[in-house]
Protein backbone atom coordinates (compact mmCIF):
# COMPACT_ATOMS: atom_id res chain seq x y z
CA MET A 1 -25.43 -71.73 29.71
CA ASN A 2 -24.36 -73.87 26.68
CA PRO A 3 -24.50 -71.19 23.56
CA ASP A 4 -24.70 -74.16 21.30
CA LYS A 5 -27.64 -75.69 22.80
CA GLN A 6 -30.78 -74.46 21.82
CA HIS A 7 -32.67 -73.20 24.87
CA THR A 8 -36.35 -72.11 25.90
CA LEU A 9 -37.99 -70.72 29.13
CA LYS A 10 -38.71 -73.35 32.16
CA GLY A 11 -42.08 -71.64 32.41
CA SER A 12 -44.44 -69.30 31.78
CA ALA A 13 -44.52 -65.31 31.94
CA THR A 14 -46.83 -63.33 31.87
CA VAL A 15 -46.67 -58.82 30.91
CA LYS A 16 -49.53 -56.97 30.69
CA GLY A 17 -50.31 -53.71 29.26
CA VAL A 18 -51.66 -51.60 26.41
CA GLY A 19 -51.16 -51.61 22.45
CA LEU A 20 -49.84 -48.55 21.34
CA HIS A 21 -52.11 -48.18 18.02
CA THR A 22 -55.49 -50.09 19.80
CA GLY A 23 -54.99 -48.64 23.37
CA GLU A 24 -56.67 -51.22 24.31
CA PRO A 25 -55.08 -53.70 27.15
CA VAL A 26 -53.68 -56.72 26.25
CA THR A 27 -52.16 -59.52 27.79
CA LEU A 28 -48.60 -61.22 26.72
CA THR A 29 -47.97 -64.74 28.01
CA LEU A 30 -44.39 -66.28 26.76
CA ARG A 31 -44.31 -70.11 26.98
CA PRO A 32 -42.09 -72.74 26.81
CA ALA A 33 -41.72 -74.43 23.02
CA PRO A 34 -40.04 -77.66 22.03
CA ILE A 35 -36.92 -78.10 20.32
CA GLY A 36 -37.01 -76.42 16.76
CA HIS A 37 -40.35 -74.42 17.53
CA GLY A 38 -38.52 -71.12 16.67
CA TYR A 39 -40.58 -67.93 17.63
CA LYS A 40 -44.65 -67.93 16.86
CA PHE A 41 -47.23 -65.66 17.73
CA GLN A 42 -50.50 -66.97 18.54
CA ARG A 43 -53.57 -65.01 18.74
CA THR A 44 -55.84 -66.43 21.30
CA ASP A 45 -58.60 -63.74 21.08
CA ILE A 46 -59.33 -64.96 17.76
CA GLU A 47 -61.22 -68.59 16.79
CA GLY A 48 -59.36 -71.29 16.49
CA GLU A 49 -56.19 -69.41 17.82
CA PRO A 50 -54.25 -68.57 14.62
CA ILE A 51 -50.43 -68.71 14.58
CA ILE A 52 -48.18 -66.63 13.09
CA ALA A 53 -44.31 -67.58 12.75
CA ALA A 54 -41.89 -64.39 13.55
CA ASP A 55 -40.67 -64.56 9.69
CA ALA A 56 -38.90 -61.73 8.11
CA ASP A 57 -41.07 -63.45 4.90
CA LEU A 58 -44.34 -62.86 6.76
CA VAL A 59 -43.59 -58.92 7.64
CA VAL A 60 -46.62 -57.00 6.30
CA SER A 61 -46.04 -53.49 7.32
CA THR A 62 -43.25 -51.81 8.77
CA GLU A 63 -44.79 -48.40 9.72
CA ARG A 64 -44.26 -47.15 13.53
CA GLY A 65 -43.20 -50.79 14.19
CA THR A 66 -42.70 -54.40 12.49
CA THR A 67 -46.19 -56.04 11.78
CA LEU A 68 -46.50 -59.86 10.89
CA GLY A 69 -49.11 -61.33 9.15
CA LYS A 70 -50.80 -64.05 7.66
CA GLY A 71 -54.17 -64.17 5.26
CA ASP A 72 -56.42 -61.41 8.06
CA VAL A 73 -54.29 -61.72 10.95
CA ARG A 74 -52.21 -59.36 12.18
CA VAL A 75 -49.62 -58.87 15.40
CA ASN A 76 -48.16 -55.83 15.48
CA THR A 77 -45.16 -54.33 17.39
CA THR A 78 -43.33 -57.65 17.39
CA GLU A 79 -39.54 -55.80 17.87
CA HIS A 80 -39.19 -55.26 21.59
CA VAL A 81 -40.15 -58.62 22.90
CA LEU A 82 -38.44 -60.58 20.08
CA ALA A 83 -34.78 -58.42 20.80
CA ALA A 84 -35.48 -59.36 24.54
CA LEU A 85 -35.81 -63.23 23.48
CA TYR A 86 -32.87 -63.09 21.30
CA ALA A 87 -30.87 -61.20 23.24
CA LEU A 88 -31.01 -63.90 26.28
CA GLY A 89 -30.26 -66.78 24.07
CA VAL A 90 -34.09 -67.91 23.89
CA ASP A 91 -34.54 -70.50 20.94
CA ASN A 92 -38.17 -71.52 21.30
CA CYS A 93 -40.84 -69.86 22.70
CA LEU A 94 -44.82 -69.39 21.90
CA LEU A 95 -46.36 -65.95 22.15
CA GLN A 96 -49.78 -65.72 23.32
CA LEU A 97 -51.65 -62.77 22.46
CA SER A 98 -54.88 -61.20 23.69
CA GLY A 99 -55.01 -58.92 21.21
CA PRO A 100 -53.75 -57.56 18.08
CA GLU A 101 -50.76 -55.76 19.64
CA VAL A 102 -47.83 -56.97 21.34
CA PRO A 103 -48.00 -54.59 24.81
CA ILE A 104 -46.04 -51.16 24.21
CA MET A 105 -44.78 -51.56 28.22
CA ASP A 106 -42.60 -48.34 28.63
CA GLY A 107 -41.29 -48.49 24.86
CA SER A 108 -38.30 -50.38 25.38
CA ALA A 109 -37.50 -54.12 25.90
CA LEU A 110 -36.33 -54.26 29.63
CA PRO A 111 -39.90 -55.50 30.78
CA PHE A 112 -39.62 -58.70 28.82
CA VAL A 113 -36.31 -59.36 29.48
CA LEU A 114 -36.96 -59.09 33.06
CA ALA A 115 -40.29 -61.43 32.50
CA ILE A 116 -37.56 -64.06 31.15
CA GLU A 117 -35.45 -63.91 33.51
CA SER A 118 -38.22 -64.60 36.19
CA VAL A 119 -38.83 -67.93 34.72
CA GLY A 120 -35.11 -68.47 33.55
CA LEU A 121 -34.25 -71.00 30.56
CA GLU A 122 -33.97 -74.45 30.67
CA GLU A 123 -31.03 -76.14 28.22
CA GLN A 124 -32.56 -78.25 25.50
CA ASN A 125 -31.09 -81.31 23.87
CA ALA A 126 -30.33 -79.97 20.30
CA ALA A 127 -27.75 -78.01 18.96
CA ARG A 128 -28.26 -74.34 17.93
CA ASP A 129 -28.24 -73.98 14.63
CA TRP A 130 -26.10 -70.42 14.01
CA TYR A 131 -25.84 -68.54 10.62
CA VAL A 132 -22.53 -67.92 10.05
CA LEU A 133 -21.73 -65.04 7.70
CA LYS A 134 -18.82 -65.98 5.56
CA GLU A 135 -18.65 -63.22 3.04
CA PRO A 136 -20.19 -59.57 3.10
CA ILE A 137 -23.74 -59.07 2.55
CA TRP A 138 -24.60 -55.44 1.55
CA PHE A 139 -28.29 -53.72 1.74
CA GLU A 140 -29.21 -50.03 0.83
CA THR A 141 -32.39 -48.05 0.02
CA LYS A 142 -31.70 -44.66 -1.06
CA GLU A 143 -35.05 -43.38 -0.45
CA LYS A 144 -34.37 -43.89 3.22
CA GLY A 145 -30.95 -43.31 3.24
CA THR A 146 -30.78 -46.69 5.10
CA GLU A 147 -27.25 -48.58 4.67
CA MET A 148 -26.57 -52.19 5.93
CA LEU A 149 -23.50 -54.22 5.99
CA GLY A 150 -22.89 -57.57 7.38
CA VAL A 151 -19.35 -59.25 7.58
CA PRO A 152 -17.84 -61.99 8.80
CA THR A 153 -16.27 -61.67 12.61
CA PRO A 154 -13.49 -64.05 14.15
CA ALA A 155 -14.63 -63.39 17.35
CA GLY A 156 -17.68 -65.51 16.56
CA GLU A 157 -20.53 -63.95 17.73
CA LEU A 158 -23.03 -61.10 16.72
CA ARG A 159 -22.22 -57.80 16.83
CA LEU A 160 -23.94 -54.53 15.87
CA THR A 161 -22.70 -50.84 15.18
CA VAL A 162 -25.27 -48.51 14.45
CA MET A 163 -25.22 -44.69 13.32
CA VAL A 164 -28.00 -42.09 13.55
CA ASP A 165 -28.42 -39.19 11.61
CA TYR A 166 -31.46 -37.37 11.34
CA ASN A 167 -30.08 -33.84 10.04
CA SER A 168 -32.08 -32.26 13.42
CA PRO A 169 -30.15 -29.57 15.41
CA VAL A 170 -31.32 -31.64 18.62
CA LEU A 171 -30.60 -35.22 17.83
CA GLY A 172 -27.63 -35.27 15.39
CA THR A 173 -25.35 -38.34 14.77
CA GLN A 174 -25.36 -40.83 17.09
CA HIS A 175 -23.31 -44.03 17.57
CA ALA A 176 -24.55 -47.14 19.46
CA SER A 177 -22.31 -50.56 19.39
CA MET A 178 -23.25 -54.05 21.10
CA TYR A 179 -20.19 -56.39 21.21
CA ARG A 180 -21.40 -59.46 23.59
CA ALA A 181 -24.71 -60.24 24.03
CA GLU A 182 -23.94 -60.30 27.83
CA GLU A 183 -24.36 -56.17 27.26
CA PHE A 184 -27.99 -56.24 25.96
CA LYS A 185 -29.43 -56.21 29.73
CA ASP A 186 -27.96 -53.36 31.05
CA GLU A 187 -26.92 -50.82 28.07
CA ILE A 188 -29.74 -51.56 25.00
CA ALA A 189 -32.92 -53.27 27.11
CA PRO A 190 -33.64 -50.37 28.92
CA CYS A 191 -33.49 -47.66 25.58
CA ARG A 192 -36.96 -46.40 24.72
CA THR A 193 -38.20 -45.61 21.43
CA PHE A 194 -38.21 -41.89 20.75
CA VAL A 195 -40.68 -39.27 18.32
CA PHE A 196 -40.54 -36.21 17.53
CA LEU A 197 -42.92 -33.61 18.58
CA ARG A 198 -44.49 -32.69 15.26
CA GLU A 199 -45.13 -36.53 14.40
CA LEU A 200 -46.65 -37.04 17.77
CA GLU A 201 -49.13 -34.47 17.15
CA GLN A 202 -49.79 -35.74 13.55
CA LEU A 203 -50.19 -39.04 15.17
CA ALA A 204 -52.29 -37.96 17.81
CA LYS A 205 -54.77 -36.42 15.71
CA ALA A 206 -55.14 -39.09 13.36
CA GLY A 207 -56.07 -41.85 16.43
CA LEU A 208 -53.09 -43.79 15.49
CA ILE A 209 -51.43 -44.24 19.00
CA LYS A 210 -54.23 -44.65 21.31
CA GLY A 211 -51.78 -46.24 23.63
CA GLY A 212 -49.53 -43.45 23.57
CA ASP A 213 -48.07 -41.97 26.37
CA LEU A 214 -45.82 -38.95 27.09
CA ASN A 215 -43.83 -41.66 29.90
CA ASN A 216 -43.65 -44.57 26.91
CA ALA A 217 -41.25 -42.44 24.58
CA ILE A 218 -38.61 -39.78 24.41
CA VAL A 219 -40.26 -36.98 22.78
CA LEU A 220 -38.24 -34.45 20.73
CA GLU A 221 -38.62 -31.09 19.48
CA ASP A 222 -36.04 -29.22 17.14
CA ARG A 223 -39.01 -26.66 16.03
CA GLU A 224 -38.40 -23.12 17.34
CA GLY A 225 -41.45 -21.21 18.78
CA THR A 226 -43.45 -23.94 20.70
CA THR A 227 -45.55 -22.59 22.83
CA LYS A 228 -46.74 -23.86 26.56
CA ASP A 229 -50.17 -23.98 25.13
CA GLN A 230 -49.70 -26.55 22.23
CA LEU A 231 -47.75 -28.32 24.72
CA LYS A 232 -50.29 -28.52 26.99
CA ASP A 233 -52.95 -29.44 24.31
CA LEU A 234 -50.94 -32.35 23.50
CA ALA A 235 -50.55 -33.72 26.90
CA LYS A 236 -54.58 -33.40 26.93
CA THR A 237 -54.94 -35.50 23.65
CA LEU A 238 -52.77 -37.89 24.96
CA GLY A 239 -54.57 -37.92 27.98
CA ARG A 240 -51.73 -37.02 30.61
CA PRO A 241 -52.49 -34.42 33.29
CA TYR A 242 -49.84 -32.26 32.59
CA GLU A 243 -50.28 -28.68 34.02
CA GLU A 244 -47.00 -27.55 32.30
CA VAL A 245 -45.02 -29.13 29.76
CA GLU A 246 -41.72 -27.81 29.00
CA ILE A 247 -38.48 -28.47 26.21
CA ARG A 248 -35.74 -28.60 27.74
CA ARG A 249 -32.19 -27.42 26.32
CA ASN A 250 -31.34 -30.23 24.95
CA GLY A 251 -34.64 -30.67 23.37
CA VAL A 252 -36.09 -33.18 25.53
CA LEU A 253 -39.95 -32.86 26.71
CA ASN A 254 -39.39 -32.85 30.42
CA THR A 255 -41.72 -35.48 31.35
CA THR A 256 -38.87 -38.13 31.09
CA ASP A 257 -34.88 -37.74 31.69
CA LEU A 258 -32.25 -39.64 28.72
CA LYS A 259 -31.23 -42.64 30.33
CA PHE A 260 -28.17 -42.33 28.29
CA PHE A 261 -26.69 -39.51 26.06
CA ASN A 262 -27.41 -41.33 22.44
CA GLU A 263 -30.36 -43.49 24.13
CA PRO A 264 -32.18 -43.18 20.60
CA ALA A 265 -29.40 -44.86 18.74
CA ARG A 266 -29.43 -47.62 21.27
CA HIS A 267 -32.95 -47.98 20.99
CA LYS A 268 -32.39 -48.08 16.90
CA LEU A 269 -29.44 -51.09 17.58
CA LEU A 270 -32.40 -52.80 20.01
CA ASP A 271 -34.91 -52.54 17.12
CA ILE A 272 -32.16 -54.52 14.74
CA VAL A 273 -31.98 -57.38 17.26
CA GLY A 274 -35.58 -57.87 16.81
CA ASP A 275 -36.12 -57.50 13.41
CA LEU A 276 -33.12 -59.73 12.81
CA ALA A 277 -34.60 -62.57 15.03
CA LEU A 278 -36.76 -62.53 11.91
CA VAL A 279 -34.31 -64.40 9.97
CA GLY A 280 -35.12 -67.74 11.83
CA ARG A 281 -31.33 -68.80 13.51
CA PRO A 282 -29.35 -66.55 15.46
CA ILE A 283 -26.14 -64.88 13.56
CA LYS A 284 -22.63 -64.87 14.13
CA GLY A 285 -21.37 -61.70 12.21
CA HIS A 286 -20.85 -57.94 12.82
CA ILE A 287 -23.39 -55.57 11.29
CA LEU A 288 -23.12 -52.17 10.49
CA ALA A 289 -26.31 -49.77 10.16
CA ALA A 290 -26.61 -46.20 8.99
CA ARG A 291 -29.84 -44.66 9.29
CA PRO A 292 -31.96 -47.77 10.14
CA GLY A 293 -35.67 -48.55 10.43
CA HIS A 294 -37.70 -51.43 10.46
CA PHE A 295 -38.07 -51.63 6.41
CA GLY A 296 -34.25 -51.55 6.21
CA ASN A 297 -34.09 -54.05 9.26
CA THR A 298 -36.22 -56.66 7.68
CA SER A 299 -35.46 -56.02 4.33
CA PHE A 300 -31.82 -56.90 5.62
CA ALA A 301 -33.66 -59.78 6.82
CA LYS A 302 -34.84 -61.05 4.13
CA ARG A 303 -31.76 -60.36 2.03
CA ILE A 304 -29.67 -62.66 4.50
CA LYS A 305 -32.32 -65.64 4.59
CA GLU A 306 -31.96 -65.31 0.79
CA MET A 307 -28.10 -65.57 1.01
CA MET A 308 -28.88 -68.88 3.06
CA ARG A 309 -30.82 -69.98 0.21
CA GLU A 310 -28.49 -69.75 -1.94
CA GLU A 311 -25.50 -71.17 0.21
CA ARG A 312 -27.56 -74.02 0.85
CA LYS A 313 -28.06 -74.44 -3.00
CA ALA A 314 -24.94 -74.10 -4.53
CA ALA A 315 -22.82 -76.11 -2.36
CA GLY A 316 -25.20 -78.97 -1.52
CA PHE A 317 -25.98 -80.61 1.48
CA TYR A 318 -23.59 -82.08 3.51
CA TYR A 319 -24.09 -83.41 7.18
CA ASP A 320 -21.63 -85.25 9.59
CA VAL A 321 -23.82 -88.22 10.20
CA THR A 322 -21.37 -89.97 12.84
CA LYS A 323 -22.23 -87.28 15.33
CA GLU A 324 -24.69 -88.18 18.38
CA PRO A 325 -28.47 -88.02 16.66
CA LEU A 326 -31.03 -86.45 18.53
CA TYR A 327 -33.43 -89.68 18.20
CA ASP A 328 -32.06 -93.12 17.91
CA VAL A 329 -34.23 -95.96 16.25
CA ASN A 330 -35.16 -96.72 19.39
CA ALA A 331 -36.60 -93.45 20.11
CA ILE A 332 -37.71 -93.29 16.13
CA SER A 333 -39.92 -96.14 17.46
CA ARG A 334 -41.54 -95.25 20.31
CA MET A 335 -42.64 -92.35 18.30
CA LEU A 336 -43.92 -93.70 14.41
CA PRO A 337 -46.15 -96.73 14.55
CA HIS A 338 -43.74 -98.63 11.64
CA ARG A 339 -41.79 -101.43 12.41
CA TYR A 340 -39.27 -103.99 10.03
CA PRO A 341 -40.04 -104.01 7.06
CA PHE A 342 -41.44 -100.56 6.65
CA LEU A 343 -39.47 -98.23 9.12
CA LEU A 344 -37.07 -96.37 7.17
CA ILE A 345 -35.09 -94.07 8.96
CA ASP A 346 -32.27 -94.95 11.22
CA LYS A 347 -31.89 -91.61 12.95
CA ILE A 348 -32.73 -88.21 13.51
CA MET A 349 -29.79 -85.76 13.69
CA GLU A 350 -31.57 -82.39 14.41
CA ILE A 351 -34.71 -80.63 14.76
CA THR A 352 -34.47 -76.60 14.34
CA GLY A 353 -37.27 -73.88 13.86
CA ASP A 354 -38.55 -75.15 10.99
CA THR A 355 -36.36 -77.88 9.45
CA ILE A 356 -35.63 -81.68 10.39
CA VAL A 357 -32.79 -83.81 9.30
CA GLY A 358 -33.42 -87.65 9.32
CA VAL A 359 -30.67 -90.55 8.22
CA LYS A 360 -31.53 -93.62 6.37
CA ASN A 361 -29.20 -96.05 5.50
CA VAL A 362 -29.57 -98.17 2.41
CA THR A 363 -28.27 -101.81 3.18
CA MET A 364 -28.54 -104.97 0.46
CA ASN A 365 -30.00 -107.02 3.06
CA GLU A 366 -33.29 -104.91 2.81
CA PRO A 367 -35.95 -107.22 1.36
CA GLN A 368 -37.31 -104.90 -1.91
CA PHE A 369 -33.50 -105.45 -3.26
CA THR A 370 -34.95 -109.56 -3.73
CA GLY A 371 -36.40 -108.40 -6.74
CA HIS A 372 -35.80 -104.24 -7.52
CA PHE A 373 -33.86 -105.59 -9.59
CA PRO A 374 -31.95 -108.92 -9.54
CA GLY A 375 -28.50 -108.37 -10.24
CA ASN A 376 -29.03 -104.47 -10.10
CA PRO A 377 -30.15 -103.11 -6.74
CA VAL A 378 -32.13 -100.33 -6.95
CA MET A 379 -34.08 -98.57 -3.89
CA PRO A 380 -37.59 -98.02 -5.51
CA GLY A 381 -38.71 -94.32 -5.52
CA VAL A 382 -41.60 -94.55 -3.66
CA LEU A 383 -39.94 -96.25 -0.28
CA GLN A 384 -37.81 -93.05 -0.70
CA LEU A 385 -40.41 -90.57 -0.49
CA GLU A 386 -41.82 -93.21 2.06
CA ALA A 387 -38.79 -92.41 4.25
CA MET A 388 -39.12 -88.80 3.54
CA ALA A 389 -42.81 -88.84 4.96
CA GLN A 390 -41.46 -90.96 7.90
CA VAL A 391 -38.81 -87.62 8.69
CA GLY A 392 -41.69 -85.26 8.03
CA GLY A 393 -44.30 -87.33 10.73
CA ILE A 394 -41.14 -87.14 13.54
CA PHE A 395 -41.29 -83.62 12.95
CA ALA A 396 -44.93 -83.28 13.38
CA LEU A 397 -44.96 -85.59 16.13
CA SER A 398 -42.17 -84.01 18.03
CA LYS A 399 -44.86 -80.93 18.55
CA VAL A 400 -46.91 -82.92 21.19
CA GLU A 401 -46.58 -83.82 24.25
CA ASP A 402 -47.49 -87.59 23.48
CA PRO A 403 -46.43 -88.61 19.84
CA GLU A 404 -46.97 -91.87 20.93
CA ASN A 405 -51.04 -91.68 20.45
CA TYR A 406 -50.70 -89.94 17.15
CA THR A 407 -50.36 -91.04 13.74
CA THR A 408 -49.23 -89.17 10.70
CA TYR A 409 -51.74 -89.82 7.37
CA PHE A 410 -50.92 -88.63 3.84
CA LEU A 411 -52.56 -86.06 2.45
CA LYS A 412 -50.77 -85.07 -0.91
CA ILE A 413 -47.37 -84.93 -2.54
CA ASP A 414 -46.51 -82.83 -5.32
CA GLY A 415 -43.11 -81.89 -7.31
CA VAL A 416 -41.56 -85.22 -7.05
CA ARG A 417 -37.86 -85.36 -8.96
CA PHE A 418 -35.69 -87.96 -8.80
CA LYS A 419 -32.02 -86.97 -9.28
CA ARG A 420 -29.95 -90.30 -9.43
CA LYS A 421 -30.90 -93.51 -8.31
CA VAL A 422 -29.95 -95.26 -4.73
CA VAL A 423 -27.79 -98.18 -4.32
CA PRO A 424 -26.98 -100.21 -1.43
CA GLY A 425 -24.75 -98.70 0.26
CA ASP A 426 -25.85 -95.02 0.19
CA THR A 427 -26.41 -93.27 2.97
CA LEU A 428 -29.61 -91.10 2.51
CA VAL A 429 -29.68 -87.52 4.05
CA PHE A 430 -33.27 -86.04 4.26
CA ARG A 431 -34.15 -82.43 4.63
CA LEU A 432 -37.60 -81.36 5.24
CA GLU A 433 -38.41 -77.77 5.71
CA LEU A 434 -41.86 -76.32 6.68
CA LEU A 435 -43.95 -74.80 3.98
CA THR A 436 -46.61 -73.20 6.35
CA PRO A 437 -47.14 -73.19 10.11
CA ILE A 438 -48.90 -76.56 11.24
CA ARG A 439 -52.76 -76.23 11.90
CA ARG A 440 -55.03 -78.52 12.91
CA GLY A 441 -52.56 -81.15 12.51
CA ILE A 442 -51.90 -80.24 9.02
CA VAL A 443 -48.30 -80.19 8.23
CA HIS A 444 -46.96 -79.15 4.71
CA MET A 445 -43.22 -79.60 4.43
CA LYS A 446 -40.43 -79.70 1.47
CA GLY A 447 -38.11 -82.28 1.39
CA VAL A 448 -34.75 -83.43 -0.34
CA ALA A 449 -32.83 -85.97 -0.05
CA TYR A 450 -29.15 -86.46 -0.65
CA VAL A 451 -26.57 -88.84 -1.32
CA GLY A 452 -23.20 -87.56 -0.64
CA GLY A 453 -24.30 -83.92 -0.53
CA GLN A 454 -25.48 -84.08 -3.75
CA PRO A 455 -29.84 -84.17 -4.16
CA ALA A 456 -31.08 -87.65 -5.21
CA VAL A 457 -34.92 -86.92 -4.71
CA GLU A 458 -37.11 -83.64 -4.08
CA ALA A 459 -40.70 -83.33 -3.04
CA GLU A 460 -43.24 -81.28 -1.44
CA MET A 461 -45.33 -83.45 1.02
CA MET A 462 -48.79 -82.82 3.18
CA ALA A 463 -50.07 -84.80 5.71
CA GLN A 464 -51.87 -84.80 8.73
CA ILE A 465 -51.35 -85.99 12.22
CA ALA A 466 -54.81 -87.38 14.26
CA ARG A 467 -54.46 -88.77 17.47
CA ASP A 468 -55.21 -92.08 18.51
CA LYS A 469 -58.31 -93.33 20.77
CA ALA A 470 -56.78 -93.32 24.06
CA PRO A 471 -55.01 -96.39 24.56
CA THR A 472 -55.41 -98.83 27.15
CA GLU A 473 -52.25 -99.59 29.83
CA VAL A 474 -51.90 -102.79 28.32
CA ALA A 475 -51.31 -101.09 24.68
CA ARG A 476 -49.23 -98.43 26.15
CA LYS A 477 -46.87 -100.89 27.73
CA ALA A 478 -46.84 -102.69 24.76
CA ASN A 479 -45.96 -99.86 22.77
CA VAL A 480 -43.13 -98.69 24.60
CA GLU A 481 -41.59 -102.14 24.80
CA ALA A 482 -41.41 -102.66 21.10
């Protein structure tokens, strides 16, 4: 497995279970996805089958798990399956859900790891978009006592160190670490979520964990005087037929055995991996966390995303256009219907989760310079925007299996700003970012074109891709030969 290449699944993998909160049966199917897709959840039980990207900016709740939402659509308890995908090196996956929750399974990430391994990974012809921490990044919340620090690491990989301290005589202070992704399957993935008995009683009585089970969580009790009758009532409330439920000396209910002495700390590390997947890019750096939780994890992920934006804005955008492109002009011609003199893109360099980079070499022998302007050749702004739109069109068409049978149509353009003139000899590097998930063929992107790393033009664009009528075999061959 090449760690610098994107990967998806070789086939579809399905897991079935119940939702932690609803207790209803739910099916999760992990499906292969194209280059640059990232992680996206799809609610197949809702009309239109809406899609929600696994994005820290879409977190709407961190109560008893990480919940993503867009409009009225929600996906609950996303962290365990995302941790499995992230740690195993899957970059692109469509996660189809038949309900509002990812199944809780045994409270760990191991069932998802095994499902992914059952189909294997497929390398894709695109570079992995690493984000390398270049300087320390800090986040804390005094109210919850959470502290998180990210620092550069010479190892060039993601490292995690976690400390938990709940001021409890049972749990005490625990530490856990993961220095290589290869450790995840055996050392981290099997570790289950944990809950104190007092919390479990409150949640069960409130009907908030209908899918809760004494087998899918480690239950801890640090209070004195808990009676057997209270434990039996709890088992009854959760629908468990235990005649006797007891508390061991270490404060763990006898319904399960700890897999590691520090299993709670290891599970907190698991949660961090899943929540950091919401950054949208794999990270190289060392993350140190004290008393972490989903609120702190996702807030830290948002802080990393903000740092990424700040770095991009401060440094301009320099790209090595001499690298081997993802699509050359011949591949572009098989996707776009444009031809000379209106095919304005020479190369597509990369497509990541929600971005695309394209290149236009501006030359004096292009027809517009005959009259725009004699003795002072300047590339018309409208053609700069058309070139940007063609890059966006490639992004949208890369999401369908037969792009040659689709056409893109402009719907609107906003926020156009021209920063400098573009002249023959310049190389325009377009970087476009998806602003909202693609739905019903509608593509909404923000684009900036750079010359020498500095912005030349920027705009927000909206377009629609529409399927053409099925072409005849003759027309299909003509299109390919062109």
